[in-house]
Amino acid sequence: MNGRFAGRGVIVTGGGRGIGQATARAFAAEGADVLVLGRTVADLEETVAQITADGGQAWLLPCDVTSGRGRPPGTGCRRRCRRC
């Protein structure tokens, strides 16, 4: 880790699996605080667990970014981590 993203907040949609999960882990490995978004809570929990096990900071927010109705009221990024 060289910390290119240390002190920065990153939002990764689709972070529960596949390319999104790899992206979230890569940002965390570079020092970013990562907010992981996706539809499947279990997948998001796994990504967050992997990041924190590697010493990173991560939070999850279940939502469907394809619809404005998918995000619960009052759970926007700024309210959640205040670093984005």
N, C-alpha and C. Protein backbone atom coordinates (compact mmCIF):
# COMPACT_ATOMS: atom_id res chain seq x y z
N MET A 1 0.84 -1.18 0.00
CA MET A 1 0.00 0.00 0.00
C MET A 1 0.89 1.23 0.00
N ASN A 2 0.61 2.16 -0.92
CA ASN A 2 1.39 3.39 -0.90
C ASN A 2 0.57 4.59 -0.46
N GLY A 3 -0.70 4.40 -0.16
CA GLY A 3 -1.51 5.45 0.40
C GLY A 3 -1.90 6.58 -0.54
N ARG A 4 -1.99 6.30 -1.82
CA ARG A 4 -2.37 7.35 -2.77
C ARG A 4 -3.72 7.96 -2.47
N PHE A 5 -4.59 7.23 -1.78
CA PHE A 5 -5.93 7.74 -1.47
C PHE A 5 -6.13 7.94 0.03
N ALA A 6 -5.06 7.99 0.79
CA ALA A 6 -5.16 8.19 2.23
C ALA A 6 -5.89 9.49 2.53
N GLY A 7 -6.83 9.42 3.47
CA GLY A 7 -7.58 10.61 3.86
C GLY A 7 -8.72 10.97 2.93
N ARG A 8 -8.99 10.13 1.96
CA ARG A 8 -10.08 10.40 1.01
C ARG A 8 -11.18 9.37 1.16
N GLY A 9 -12.40 9.80 0.88
CA GLY A 9 -13.54 8.91 0.89
C GLY A 9 -13.91 8.51 -0.53
N VAL A 10 -14.24 7.24 -0.70
CA VAL A 10 -14.59 6.71 -2.02
C VAL A 10 -15.90 5.95 -1.91
N ILE A 11 -16.77 6.13 -2.90
CA ILE A 11 -18.03 5.38 -2.97
C ILE A 11 -17.90 4.39 -4.12
N VAL A 12 -18.19 3.13 -3.85
CA VAL A 12 -18.13 2.10 -4.89
C VAL A 12 -19.51 1.46 -4.99
N THR A 13 -20.16 1.63 -6.15
CA THR A 13 -21.45 0.97 -6.37
C THR A 13 -21.19 -0.44 -6.89
N GLY A 14 -22.07 -1.36 -6.54
CA GLY A 14 -21.89 -2.74 -6.96
C GLY A 14 -20.70 -3.39 -6.26
N GLY A 15 -20.40 -2.91 -5.05
CA GLY A 15 -19.20 -3.34 -4.34
C GLY A 15 -19.31 -4.68 -3.63
N GLY A 16 -20.42 -5.36 -3.77
CA GLY A 16 -20.60 -6.62 -3.08
C GLY A 16 -19.94 -7.81 -3.74
N ARG A 17 -19.63 -7.68 -5.02
CA ARG A 17 -19.00 -8.82 -5.72
C ARG A 17 -18.35 -8.36 -7.02
N GLY A 18 -17.60 -9.25 -7.60
CA GLY A 18 -16.99 -9.02 -8.91
C GLY A 18 -16.07 -7.82 -8.98
N ILE A 19 -16.18 -7.07 -10.07
CA ILE A 19 -15.33 -5.91 -10.30
C ILE A 19 -15.54 -4.85 -9.23
N GLY A 20 -16.77 -4.66 -8.79
CA GLY A 20 -17.04 -3.68 -7.74
C GLY A 20 -16.33 -4.02 -6.44
N GLN A 21 -16.36 -5.29 -6.07
CA GLN A 21 -15.67 -5.71 -4.85
C GLN A 21 -14.16 -5.53 -4.99
N ALA A 22 -13.62 -5.91 -6.13
CA ALA A 22 -12.18 -5.74 -6.37
C ALA A 22 -11.80 -4.26 -6.34
N THR A 23 -12.66 -3.41 -6.88
CA THR A 23 -12.40 -1.97 -6.88
C THR A 23 -12.41 -1.42 -5.46
N ALA A 24 -13.40 -1.82 -4.67
CA ALA A 24 -13.48 -1.37 -3.28
C ALA A 24 -12.24 -1.79 -2.50
N ARG A 25 -11.81 -3.02 -2.69
CA ARG A 25 -10.63 -3.51 -1.98
C ARG A 25 -9.36 -2.80 -2.45
N ALA A 26 -9.28 -2.50 -3.73
CA ALA A 26 -8.09 -1.79 -4.25
C ALA A 26 -8.00 -0.38 -3.68
N PHE A 27 -9.13 0.34 -3.64
CA PHE A 27 -9.12 1.68 -3.06
C PHE A 27 -8.74 1.62 -1.59
N ALA A 28 -9.30 0.67 -0.85
CA ALA A 28 -8.98 0.53 0.57
C ALA A 28 -7.50 0.22 0.77
N ALA A 29 -6.94 -0.62 -0.10
CA ALA A 29 -5.52 -0.96 0.00
C ALA A 29 -4.64 0.26 -0.23
N GLU A 30 -5.17 1.26 -0.92
CA GLU A 30 -4.44 2.50 -1.17
C GLU A 30 -4.77 3.57 -0.14
N GLY A 31 -5.47 3.18 0.94
CA GLY A 31 -5.70 4.09 2.05
C GLY A 31 -7.04 4.79 2.08
N ALA A 32 -7.90 4.58 1.10
CA ALA A 32 -9.20 5.26 1.07
C ALA A 32 -10.16 4.67 2.11
N ASP A 33 -11.03 5.53 2.63
CA ASP A 33 -12.17 5.07 3.41
C ASP A 33 -13.27 4.79 2.39
N VAL A 34 -13.82 3.58 2.41
CA VAL A 34 -14.69 3.13 1.34
C VAL A 34 -16.12 2.92 1.82
N LEU A 35 -17.06 3.55 1.11
CA LEU A 35 -18.48 3.30 1.31
C LEU A 35 -18.92 2.37 0.19
N VAL A 36 -19.32 1.16 0.55
CA VAL A 36 -19.66 0.13 -0.43
C VAL A 36 -21.18 0.06 -0.58
N LEU A 37 -21.67 0.27 -1.80
CA LEU A 37 -23.10 0.25 -2.09
C LEU A 37 -23.44 -0.96 -2.93
N GLY A 38 -24.64 -1.48 -2.72
CA GLY A 38 -25.13 -2.60 -3.51
C GLY A 38 -26.48 -3.07 -2.99
N ARG A 39 -27.03 -4.06 -3.65
CA ARG A 39 -28.37 -4.53 -3.30
C ARG A 39 -28.38 -5.67 -2.30
N THR A 40 -27.32 -6.47 -2.24
CA THR A 40 -27.34 -7.68 -1.41
C THR A 40 -26.48 -7.47 -0.16
N VAL A 41 -27.15 -7.37 0.98
CA VAL A 41 -26.47 -7.06 2.23
C VAL A 41 -25.37 -8.06 2.56
N ALA A 42 -25.62 -9.34 2.38
CA ALA A 42 -24.62 -10.36 2.70
C ALA A 42 -23.34 -10.16 1.89
N ASP A 43 -23.48 -9.81 0.61
CA ASP A 43 -22.31 -9.56 -0.23
C ASP A 43 -21.56 -8.31 0.24
N LEU A 44 -22.30 -7.28 0.60
CA LEU A 44 -21.67 -6.05 1.10
C LEU A 44 -20.93 -6.31 2.41
N GLU A 45 -21.55 -7.09 3.28
CA GLU A 45 -20.91 -7.43 4.56
C GLU A 45 -19.60 -8.18 4.33
N GLU A 46 -19.58 -9.06 3.34
CA GLU A 46 -18.36 -9.80 3.03
C GLU A 46 -17.26 -8.86 2.54
N THR A 47 -17.61 -7.92 1.68
CA THR A 47 -16.62 -6.96 1.18
C THR A 47 -16.05 -6.13 2.33
N VAL A 48 -16.93 -5.62 3.17
CA VAL A 48 -16.49 -4.81 4.32
C VAL A 48 -15.61 -5.64 5.24
N ALA A 49 -15.97 -6.90 5.47
CA ALA A 49 -15.17 -7.77 6.33
C ALA A 49 -13.78 -7.99 5.74
N GLN A 50 -13.70 -8.18 4.44
CA GLN A 50 -12.39 -8.36 3.79
C GLN A 50 -11.54 -7.11 3.92
N ILE A 51 -12.15 -5.96 3.70
CA ILE A 51 -11.40 -4.69 3.79
C ILE A 51 -10.91 -4.46 5.21
N THR A 52 -11.78 -4.65 6.20
CA THR A 52 -11.36 -4.40 7.58
C THR A 52 -10.35 -5.43 8.05
N ALA A 53 -10.45 -6.67 7.57
CA ALA A 53 -9.46 -7.69 7.92
C ALA A 53 -8.08 -7.32 7.38
N ASP A 54 -8.07 -6.59 6.28
CA ASP A 54 -6.80 -6.15 5.69
C ASP A 54 -6.32 -4.83 6.29
N GLY A 55 -7.05 -4.31 7.29
CA GLY A 55 -6.64 -3.09 7.97
C GLY A 55 -7.25 -1.82 7.43
N GLY A 56 -8.21 -1.93 6.51
CA GLY A 56 -8.84 -0.74 5.93
C GLY A 56 -10.10 -0.33 6.67
N GLN A 57 -10.66 0.78 6.23
CA GLN A 57 -11.91 1.31 6.77
C GLN A 57 -12.99 1.19 5.71
N ALA A 58 -14.12 0.61 6.06
CA ALA A 58 -15.21 0.46 5.09
C ALA A 58 -16.54 0.41 5.81
N TRP A 59 -17.56 0.90 5.10
CA TRP A 59 -18.93 0.88 5.57
C TRP A 59 -19.79 0.41 4.43
N LEU A 60 -20.98 -0.06 4.74
CA LEU A 60 -21.89 -0.51 3.68
C LEU A 60 -23.18 0.28 3.73
N LEU A 61 -23.79 0.39 2.57
CA LEU A 61 -25.09 1.03 2.45
C LEU A 61 -25.88 0.26 1.40
N PRO A 62 -26.84 -0.56 1.84
CA PRO A 62 -27.65 -1.30 0.87
C PRO A 62 -28.56 -0.34 0.11
N CYS A 63 -28.51 -0.41 -1.20
CA CYS A 63 -29.39 0.41 -2.03
C CYS A 63 -29.31 -0.08 -3.48
N ASP A 64 -30.26 0.40 -4.25
CA ASP A 64 -30.31 0.10 -5.67
C ASP A 64 -30.12 1.43 -6.39
N VAL A 65 -28.95 1.66 -6.97
CA VAL A 65 -28.66 2.96 -7.59
C VAL A 65 -29.39 3.16 -8.90
N THR A 66 -30.06 2.13 -9.39
CA THR A 66 -30.82 2.30 -10.63
C THR A 66 -32.14 3.00 -10.38
N SER A 67 -32.52 3.18 -9.11
CA SER A 67 -33.78 3.81 -8.77
C SER A 67 -33.58 4.74 -7.58
N GLY A 68 -34.08 5.95 -7.67
CA GLY A 68 -34.01 6.87 -6.55
C GLY A 68 -34.78 6.37 -5.35
N ARG A 69 -35.69 5.46 -5.59
CA ARG A 69 -36.49 4.91 -4.50
C ARG A 69 -35.75 3.82 -3.73
N GLY A 70 -34.60 3.38 -4.24
CA GLY A 70 -33.88 2.28 -3.60
C GLY A 70 -33.14 2.68 -2.34
N ARG A 71 -32.89 3.97 -2.15
CA ARG A 71 -32.13 4.42 -0.98
C ARG A 71 -33.09 4.84 0.13
N PRO A 72 -32.89 4.29 1.32
CA PRO A 72 -33.75 4.70 2.43
C PRO A 72 -33.56 6.18 2.73
N PRO A 73 -34.62 6.90 3.13
CA PRO A 73 -34.50 8.32 3.43
C PRO A 73 -33.52 8.58 4.56
N GLY A 74 -32.74 9.64 4.43
CA GLY A 74 -31.83 10.04 5.50
C GLY A 74 -30.56 9.22 5.59
N THR A 75 -30.26 8.41 4.59
CA THR A 75 -29.06 7.57 4.67
C THR A 75 -28.08 7.91 3.56
N GLY A 76 -28.07 9.15 3.13
CA GLY A 76 -27.16 9.56 2.07
C GLY A 76 -25.72 9.46 2.51
N CYS A 77 -24.83 9.51 1.57
CA CYS A 77 -23.41 9.35 1.83
C CYS A 77 -22.89 10.37 2.84
N ARG A 78 -23.20 11.63 2.64
CA ARG A 78 -22.67 12.66 3.54
C ARG A 78 -23.11 12.42 4.98
N ARG A 79 -24.31 11.98 5.16
CA ARG A 79 -24.79 11.72 6.51
C ARG A 79 -24.09 10.49 7.09
N ARG A 80 -23.74 9.53 6.24
CA ARG A 80 -23.17 8.27 6.70
C ARG A 80 -21.70 8.38 7.10
N CYS A 81 -20.87 8.94 6.23
CA CYS A 81 -19.44 8.95 6.54
C CYS A 81 -18.85 10.34 6.59
N ARG A 82 -19.55 11.35 6.10
CA ARG A 82 -19.16 12.75 6.16
C ARG A 82 -17.80 13.04 5.53
N ARG A 83 -17.28 12.18 4.68
CA ARG A 83 -15.98 12.41 4.07
C ARG A 83 -16.06 12.49 2.56
N CYS A 84 -17.22 12.23 1.99
CA CYS A 84 -17.34 12.19 0.55
C CYS A 84 -17.49 13.59 -0.02
